[in-house]
Amino acid sequence: MIFSPNVQECIDAWNTASLAFGPLLRGEDGCWETARRNYVQVLAAHPTPEGVTVEQIDMGGVAATVVSPPEVENGKVLLYIHGGGYVAGSPAGYHGLAGHYARLLKAKVYMPDYRLAPEHPFPAAIEDTLTSYRWLLEQGISPRNIAFSGDSAGGAMVVTVMVAARNAGLPLPVAGVALSPWANLEHTGSSMLTRDGVDPTVNLTGLNLMARAFLQDALKNDPGASPVFADVRGLPPILVQIGEREVMLSDAMRLATHLAENRVRVTLEVWPEMFHVWHLFATILPEGMKALKGAVAFIDEAYKA
């Protein structure tokens, strides 16, 4: 598939910003703050939809952003967990994607700014996101009005944070949507080889470096880091969307199978020729908006059940 010049330009900018993390992850000289700031600026170039408002808040000690549409229907809330390989990214880069979600869902979208590795390795990101979810419940928001979504590392956390919430005795949200989830840090899926070099934004070498920075002393198959190994029984319905060109394809499919085999209602969508988190490009890539609308329909069905 040949992408439009606008899409290709955004992919190239994303790749350029991502390359700055390679030397840092290998322990070479450099500035994490600068690399992270530049990375977020590239993501923030995706425009925020008209009519939404953006506010900085605190969710039980975790800095966060809430994106609100002009109209909120029935008190609906989406907890969105950003990606970035656990080492980069922040809500500031996701006003566009969160804004689309907010308008389509007619829901407030809360995005925790969880701590990042290597300064804060596993399980800090999961702990912070769980704290944010607990805070939503403490505000009196019914779990029947809350759904989860996230991309890449955040897509994996859609599942791992639900598992952590269940284990903590908290009521679970109505549904989850995992966009291009990084579901298996062992990287044993066949697409890690067959799509390496085909995926235009992610490669196996980079994933191995980020996994090492995030896990440090933890095992790659720790169920809190790799949800393909987690006890997922009792979770609400989950939609997994993955691009056919992604190195994460096989492990995302494995996640869907793992959920299904443990009696979780799961929907798997494999989008031909799509790349990692193509949803970010929804304003300029028709498949991005179409995938988001499908995610919204899935969540809306769960809200109404």
Protein backbone atom coordinates (compact mmCIF):
# COMPACT_ATOMS: atom_id res chain seq x y z
CA MET A 1 0.00 0.00 0.00
CA ILE A 2 1.31 3.44 -0.92
CA PHE A 3 0.32 6.04 1.65
CA SER A 4 -0.49 9.64 0.85
CA PRO A 5 2.38 12.16 1.17
CA ASN A 6 0.83 13.53 4.38
CA VAL A 7 0.68 10.10 6.00
CA GLN A 8 4.18 9.16 4.87
CA GLU A 9 5.56 12.46 6.17
CA CYS A 10 4.05 11.76 9.60
CA ILE A 11 5.43 8.21 9.61
CA ASP A 12 8.89 9.52 8.73
CA ALA A 13 8.75 12.13 11.51
CA TRP A 14 7.64 9.50 14.02
CA ASN A 15 10.50 7.22 13.00
CA THR A 16 13.05 10.03 13.26
CA ALA A 17 11.89 10.89 16.78
CA SER A 18 11.93 7.22 17.79
CA LEU A 19 15.49 6.68 16.56
CA ALA A 20 16.78 9.06 19.24
CA PHE A 21 15.97 6.48 21.90
CA GLY A 22 18.30 3.83 20.48
CA PRO A 23 21.56 5.25 21.89
CA LEU A 24 19.89 6.04 25.23
CA LEU A 25 18.55 2.49 25.55
CA ARG A 26 22.01 1.13 24.79
CA GLY A 27 23.46 3.22 27.61
CA GLU A 28 25.18 5.77 25.41
CA ASP A 29 25.33 9.50 26.09
CA GLY A 30 22.25 11.56 25.41
CA CYS A 31 19.33 13.36 27.00
CA TRP A 32 16.17 11.45 27.83
CA GLU A 33 14.25 14.67 28.45
CA THR A 34 15.02 16.02 24.99
CA ALA A 35 14.25 12.74 23.23
CA ARG A 36 10.94 12.40 25.06
CA ARG A 37 9.95 16.00 24.39
CA ASN A 38 10.69 15.68 20.67
CA TYR A 39 8.78 12.40 20.50
CA VAL A 40 5.69 13.91 22.10
CA GLN A 41 5.88 16.95 19.81
CA VAL A 42 5.70 14.66 16.77
CA LEU A 43 2.63 12.88 18.14
CA ALA A 44 1.07 16.21 19.11
CA ALA A 45 1.20 17.28 15.45
CA HIS A 46 -1.92 15.16 14.94
CA PRO A 47 -4.58 17.85 15.42
CA THR A 48 -6.98 18.06 18.32
CA PRO A 49 -10.58 17.91 17.05
CA GLU A 50 -12.62 21.08 17.28
CA GLY A 51 -14.91 21.48 20.24
CA VAL A 52 -13.06 19.37 22.78
CA THR A 53 -11.45 20.83 25.88
CA VAL A 54 -8.22 19.68 27.51
CA GLU A 55 -7.57 19.98 31.25
CA GLN A 56 -4.71 18.90 33.49
CA ILE A 57 -5.84 17.09 36.65
CA ASP A 58 -4.57 14.84 39.44
CA MET A 59 -5.87 11.27 39.71
CA GLY A 60 -4.99 10.14 43.20
CA GLY A 61 -1.42 11.39 42.98
CA VAL A 62 -0.93 10.59 39.29
CA ALA A 63 -0.78 13.58 36.95
CA ALA A 64 -3.31 13.21 34.16
CA THR A 65 -5.19 14.89 31.35
CA VAL A 66 -8.93 14.84 30.78
CA VAL A 67 -10.30 15.51 27.30
CA SER A 68 -13.98 16.46 27.21
CA PRO A 69 -16.34 16.67 24.22
CA PRO A 70 -19.05 19.31 23.84
CA GLU A 71 -21.61 16.76 25.07
CA VAL A 72 -21.14 13.89 27.53
CA GLU A 73 -23.77 11.18 27.32
CA ASN A 74 -24.94 9.42 30.49
CA GLY A 75 -21.74 10.16 32.39
CA LYS A 76 -19.63 7.94 30.13
CA VAL A 77 -15.88 7.76 30.82
CA LEU A 78 -12.96 6.28 28.89
CA LEU A 79 -9.64 5.60 30.63
CA TYR A 80 -7.07 5.86 27.83
CA ILE A 81 -3.55 4.45 28.38
CA HIS A 82 -0.96 5.94 26.03
CA GLY A 83 1.79 4.00 24.31
CA GLY A 84 5.51 4.60 23.93
CA GLY A 85 7.18 1.33 24.84
CA TYR A 86 6.99 2.18 28.55
CA VAL A 87 9.93 4.57 28.04
CA ALA A 88 8.31 7.48 26.18
CA GLY A 89 5.01 9.15 25.41
CA SER A 90 2.60 11.18 27.50
CA PRO A 91 -1.01 12.40 27.33
CA ALA A 92 0.30 15.58 25.66
CA GLY A 93 0.88 13.58 22.47
CA TYR A 94 -2.61 12.08 22.45
CA HIS A 95 -4.97 15.05 22.43
CA GLY A 96 -5.86 14.18 18.82
CA LEU A 97 -6.65 10.50 19.36
CA ALA A 98 -8.34 11.14 22.70
CA GLY A 99 -10.31 14.00 21.18
CA HIS A 100 -11.67 11.75 18.43
CA TYR A 101 -12.62 9.16 21.03
CA ALA A 102 -14.30 11.83 23.18
CA ARG A 103 -16.39 13.22 20.32
CA LEU A 104 -17.39 9.84 18.90
CA LEU A 105 -18.19 8.28 22.27
CA LYS A 106 -19.63 11.41 23.85
CA ALA A 107 -17.48 10.53 26.84
CA LYS A 108 -14.82 12.18 28.96
CA VAL A 109 -11.41 10.65 28.24
CA TYR A 110 -8.96 10.44 31.14
CA MET A 111 -5.27 9.82 30.38
CA PRO A 112 -2.84 9.11 33.25
CA ASP A 113 0.72 10.34 32.81
CA TYR A 114 2.24 7.19 34.30
CA ARG A 115 5.90 6.92 35.27
CA LEU A 116 8.35 5.81 32.58
CA ALA A 117 11.28 3.40 32.44
CA PRO A 118 14.19 3.09 32.82
CA GLU A 119 13.93 5.51 35.77
CA HIS A 120 10.74 3.78 36.90
CA PRO A 121 10.77 0.17 35.68
CA PHE A 122 8.05 -2.48 35.81
CA PRO A 123 5.55 -2.43 37.46
CA ALA A 124 5.42 1.37 37.98
CA ALA A 125 3.33 2.05 34.85
CA ILE A 126 0.75 -0.57 35.83
CA GLU A 127 0.62 0.69 39.41
CA ASP A 128 0.05 4.30 38.35
CA THR A 129 -2.69 3.35 35.89
CA LEU A 130 -4.40 1.21 38.51
CA THR A 131 -4.25 4.18 40.91
CA SER A 132 -5.93 6.31 38.25
CA TYR A 133 -8.71 3.78 37.80
CA ARG A 134 -9.20 3.51 41.55
CA TRP A 135 -9.47 7.31 41.68
CA LEU A 136 -12.26 7.28 39.07
CA LEU A 137 -14.21 4.83 41.20
CA GLU A 138 -13.60 6.94 44.30
CA GLN A 139 -15.21 9.89 42.53
CA GLY A 140 -18.43 7.92 42.51
CA ILE A 141 -18.27 7.01 38.83
CA SER A 142 -19.98 3.68 38.26
CA PRO A 143 -17.77 1.01 36.66
CA ARG A 144 -20.73 0.47 34.31
CA ASN A 145 -19.90 3.88 32.86
CA ILE A 146 -16.14 3.24 32.45
CA ALA A 147 -14.29 1.57 29.57
CA PHE A 148 -10.56 1.16 28.94
CA SER A 149 -8.56 1.69 25.78
CA GLY A 150 -4.88 2.08 25.01
CA ASP A 151 -2.27 1.59 22.32
CA SER A 152 0.95 -0.43 22.10
CA ALA A 153 2.27 -0.70 25.68
CA GLY A 154 -1.00 0.93 26.71
CA GLY A 155 -2.87 -1.69 24.71
CA ALA A 156 -1.23 -4.40 26.78
CA MET A 157 -2.09 -2.46 29.94
CA VAL A 158 -5.76 -2.51 28.99
CA VAL A 159 -5.58 -6.17 30.01
CA THR A 160 -2.90 -6.09 32.73
CA VAL A 161 -4.55 -3.22 34.61
CA MET A 162 -7.90 -5.01 34.46
CA VAL A 163 -6.22 -8.08 35.94
CA ALA A 164 -4.60 -5.94 38.64
CA ALA A 165 -7.96 -4.32 39.41
CA ARG A 166 -9.67 -7.70 39.68
CA ASN A 167 -6.91 -8.98 41.95
CA ALA A 168 -7.30 -5.88 44.14
CA GLY A 169 -11.01 -6.57 44.54
CA LEU A 170 -12.13 -3.60 42.44
CA PRO A 171 -15.15 -3.77 40.13
CA LEU A 172 -14.17 -4.00 36.49
CA PRO A 173 -15.00 -1.62 33.63
CA VAL A 174 -17.55 -2.60 31.01
CA ALA A 175 -15.11 -3.24 28.16
CA GLY A 176 -11.61 -2.71 26.83
CA VAL A 177 -10.13 -1.89 23.43
CA ALA A 178 -6.48 -2.78 22.84
CA LEU A 179 -5.00 -0.93 19.85
CA SER A 180 -1.86 -2.61 18.45
CA PRO A 181 -1.08 -4.20 21.84
CA TRP A 182 2.51 -5.08 22.80
CA ALA A 183 1.26 -8.25 24.42
CA ASN A 184 4.30 -10.52 24.70
CA LEU A 185 7.72 -9.20 25.72
CA GLU A 186 9.28 -12.57 24.88
CA HIS A 187 8.71 -11.60 21.21
CA THR A 188 8.16 -15.21 20.16
CA GLY A 189 5.40 -14.58 17.60
CA SER A 190 6.37 -15.43 14.03
CA SER A 191 5.58 -11.91 12.82
CA MET A 192 8.49 -10.60 14.89
CA LEU A 193 10.59 -12.04 12.06
CA THR A 194 8.25 -12.10 9.07
CA ARG A 195 7.13 -8.46 9.55
CA ASP A 196 10.47 -7.06 10.73
CA GLY A 197 11.38 -4.57 8.03
CA VAL A 198 7.82 -4.68 6.68
CA ASP A 199 6.38 -2.80 9.66
CA PRO A 200 7.21 0.83 8.78
CA THR A 201 7.37 2.12 12.37
CA VAL A 202 8.48 -0.66 14.75
CA ASN A 203 11.29 -3.22 14.63
CA LEU A 204 12.38 -6.15 16.77
CA THR A 205 15.71 -4.59 17.77
CA GLY A 206 13.99 -1.54 19.22
CA LEU A 207 11.40 -3.63 21.04
CA ASN A 208 14.11 -5.75 22.66
CA LEU A 209 15.87 -2.61 23.92
CA MET A 210 12.66 -1.13 25.33
CA ALA A 211 11.65 -4.41 26.96
CA ARG A 212 15.02 -4.63 28.70
CA ALA A 213 14.72 -1.04 29.97
CA PHE A 214 11.21 -1.65 31.25
CA LEU A 215 11.66 -5.10 32.79
CA GLN A 216 15.15 -4.75 34.27
CA ASP A 217 15.07 -7.55 36.88
CA ALA A 218 11.63 -8.89 35.93
CA LEU A 219 11.07 -11.82 33.58
CA LYS A 220 9.84 -11.33 30.03
CA ASN A 221 6.97 -13.72 30.70
CA ASP A 222 5.85 -12.01 33.89
CA PRO A 223 2.06 -11.91 33.47
CA GLY A 224 2.02 -8.29 34.63
CA ALA A 225 4.19 -7.30 31.68
CA SER A 226 3.06 -9.81 29.05
CA PRO A 227 -0.70 -10.38 29.24
CA VAL A 228 -0.52 -13.48 27.02
CA PHE A 229 0.63 -15.19 30.25
CA ALA A 230 -1.89 -13.54 32.62
CA ASP A 231 -4.84 -15.10 34.40
CA VAL A 232 -7.54 -13.25 32.46
CA ARG A 233 -10.59 -15.09 33.75
CA GLY A 234 -13.57 -12.89 34.51
CA LEU A 235 -12.53 -9.91 32.39
CA PRO A 236 -15.15 -7.93 30.44
CA PRO A 237 -15.40 -7.98 26.62
CA ILE A 238 -12.22 -6.90 24.85
CA LEU A 239 -11.61 -5.78 21.27
CA VAL A 240 -8.11 -6.26 19.83
CA GLN A 241 -7.23 -4.26 16.70
CA ILE A 242 -3.88 -4.98 15.04
CA GLY A 243 -2.34 -4.03 11.70
CA GLU A 244 -1.34 -6.82 9.33
CA ARG A 245 2.09 -5.23 8.73
CA GLU A 246 2.97 -5.07 12.43
CA VAL A 247 5.74 -7.09 14.03
CA MET A 248 3.32 -7.44 16.97
CA LEU A 249 0.68 -9.15 14.80
CA SER A 250 1.19 -12.76 15.92
CA ASP A 251 1.41 -11.92 19.62
CA ALA A 252 -1.74 -9.76 19.41
CA MET A 253 -3.52 -12.72 17.83
CA ARG A 254 -2.16 -14.91 20.62
CA LEU A 255 -3.58 -12.47 23.17
CA ALA A 256 -7.01 -12.72 21.56
CA THR A 257 -6.80 -16.53 21.58
CA HIS A 258 -5.69 -16.52 25.22
CA LEU A 259 -8.65 -14.35 26.19
CA ALA A 260 -11.07 -16.56 24.24
CA GLU A 261 -9.72 -19.78 25.76
CA ASN A 262 -10.34 -18.30 29.20
CA ARG A 263 -13.97 -17.45 28.42
CA VAL A 264 -13.48 -13.75 27.88
CA ARG A 265 -15.62 -12.43 25.06
CA VAL A 266 -13.11 -11.16 22.53
CA THR A 267 -13.23 -9.63 19.08
CA LEU A 268 -10.06 -9.68 16.95
CA GLU A 269 -9.68 -7.34 13.99
CA VAL A 270 -6.65 -7.65 11.70
CA TRP A 271 -6.44 -4.66 9.35
CA PRO A 272 -4.66 -5.48 6.07
CA GLU A 273 -1.61 -3.32 5.29
CA MET A 274 -2.00 -1.20 8.42
CA PHE A 275 0.96 -0.26 10.61
CA HIS A 276 1.46 0.23 14.33
CA VAL A 277 -1.28 2.40 15.92
CA TRP A 278 -2.56 3.72 12.59
CA HIS A 279 -5.43 5.15 14.66
CA LEU A 280 -3.22 8.13 15.52
CA PHE A 281 -3.52 9.18 11.86
CA ALA A 282 -7.33 9.24 11.89
CA THR A 283 -7.51 12.81 10.55
CA ILE A 284 -5.53 11.99 7.39
CA LEU A 285 -5.91 8.20 7.03
CA PRO A 286 -9.45 6.87 6.39
CA GLU A 287 -8.60 3.47 7.89
CA GLY A 288 -7.62 5.18 11.13
CA MET A 289 -10.98 6.86 11.56
CA LYS A 290 -12.84 3.73 10.48
CA ALA A 291 -11.00 1.64 13.08
CA LEU A 292 -11.76 4.20 15.79
CA LYS A 293 -15.44 4.22 14.87
CA GLY A 294 -15.45 0.43 15.17
CA ALA A 295 -13.84 0.69 18.60
CA VAL A 296 -16.47 3.21 19.66
CA ALA A 297 -19.30 0.93 18.48
CA PHE A 298 -17.80 -1.92 20.52
CA ILE A 299 -17.58 0.22 23.66
CA ASP A 300 -21.04 1.71 23.17
CA GLU A 301 -22.57 -1.75 22.99
CA ALA A 302 -20.94 -2.57 26.33
CA TYR A 303 -22.15 0.66 27.94
CA LYS A 304 -25.71 -0.24 26.95
CA ALA A 305 -25.60 -3.91 27.95
